[in-house]
Amino acid sequence: DKKITLILIHFSVWSDVGGIFAGRFFGKDSFAKSISPSKTMQGIYGAVGLPVIVSIVFWFIGQEGNGQYT
């Protein structure tokens, strides 16, 4: 289904954006140094949190437009 594919792509993109942003600006606590020395716990929080926030925003937009985004 095209909608599921689009949702998964958006989740992946927003997860990367959230992880990079939170890790760069708020990252202090190292995580998995053996995998990547620049990984931080704050980056993980951003990678999980931003897609959730974006999904909630899109859900509210969909509710206001009776499920139509256009």
Protein backbone atom coordinates (compact mmCIF):
# COMPACT_ATOMS: atom_id res chain seq x y z
CA ASP A 1 0.00 0.00 0.00
CA LYS A 2 1.39 3.40 -1.00
CA LYS A 3 0.27 5.14 2.20
CA ILE A 4 2.17 2.72 4.43
CA THR A 5 5.31 3.13 2.33
CA LEU A 6 5.03 6.92 2.51
CA ILE A 7 4.52 6.83 6.28
CA LEU A 8 7.59 4.62 6.76
CA ILE A 9 9.73 6.91 4.61
CA HIS A 10 8.56 9.96 6.55
CA PHE A 11 9.26 8.23 9.88
CA SER A 12 12.77 7.38 8.72
CA VAL A 13 13.50 10.92 7.56
CA TRP A 14 12.08 12.60 10.67
CA SER A 15 13.95 10.14 12.87
CA ASP A 16 17.26 11.05 11.22
CA VAL A 17 16.52 14.77 11.46
CA GLY A 18 15.52 14.53 15.11
CA GLY A 19 18.54 12.43 16.03
CA ILE A 20 21.03 14.70 14.30
CA PHE A 21 19.49 17.90 15.69
CA ALA A 22 19.15 16.69 19.28
CA GLY A 23 22.55 15.02 19.25
CA ARG A 24 24.36 18.07 17.92
CA PHE A 25 22.70 20.70 20.07
CA PHE A 26 21.91 18.82 23.29
CA GLY A 27 24.15 15.74 23.18
CA LYS A 28 26.22 15.18 26.30
CA ASP A 29 25.84 11.56 27.37
CA SER A 30 27.73 9.09 25.18
CA PHE A 31 25.98 6.00 23.91
CA ALA A 32 27.48 3.01 22.12
CA LYS A 33 31.01 4.38 21.73
CA SER A 34 32.14 1.14 20.10
CA ILE A 35 29.64 1.67 17.26
CA SER A 36 30.06 5.41 16.83
CA PRO A 37 31.91 7.77 19.17
CA SER A 38 29.53 10.64 18.47
CA LYS A 39 26.28 8.85 19.39
CA THR A 40 24.49 10.37 22.39
CA MET A 41 21.43 9.55 24.47
CA GLN A 42 19.94 12.93 23.55
CA GLY A 43 20.25 11.99 19.88
CA ILE A 44 18.29 8.81 20.54
CA TYR A 45 15.57 10.80 22.32
CA GLY A 46 15.37 13.14 19.34
CA ALA A 47 15.28 10.24 16.89
CA VAL A 48 12.29 8.75 18.71
CA GLY A 49 10.57 11.97 19.77
CA LEU A 50 10.47 14.01 16.57
CA PRO A 51 8.62 11.41 14.45
CA VAL A 52 6.04 11.07 17.22
CA ILE A 53 5.54 14.86 17.37
CA VAL A 54 5.31 15.16 13.58
CA SER A 55 2.81 12.28 13.46
CA ILE A 56 0.61 13.97 16.06
CA VAL A 57 0.70 17.24 14.11
CA PHE A 58 -0.26 15.46 10.88
CA TRP A 59 -3.02 13.60 12.72
CA PHE A 60 -4.49 16.91 13.94
CA ILE A 61 -4.24 18.38 10.44
CA GLY A 62 -6.05 15.34 9.07
CA GLN A 63 -8.80 15.70 11.68
CA GLU A 64 -9.37 19.36 10.82
CA GLY A 65 -9.59 18.52 7.11
CA ASN A 66 -11.90 15.52 7.60
CA GLY A 67 -9.01 13.22 6.71
CA GLN A 68 -8.09 15.17 3.57
CA TYR A 69 -4.70 16.85 3.34
CA THR A 70 -5.41 18.71 0.11
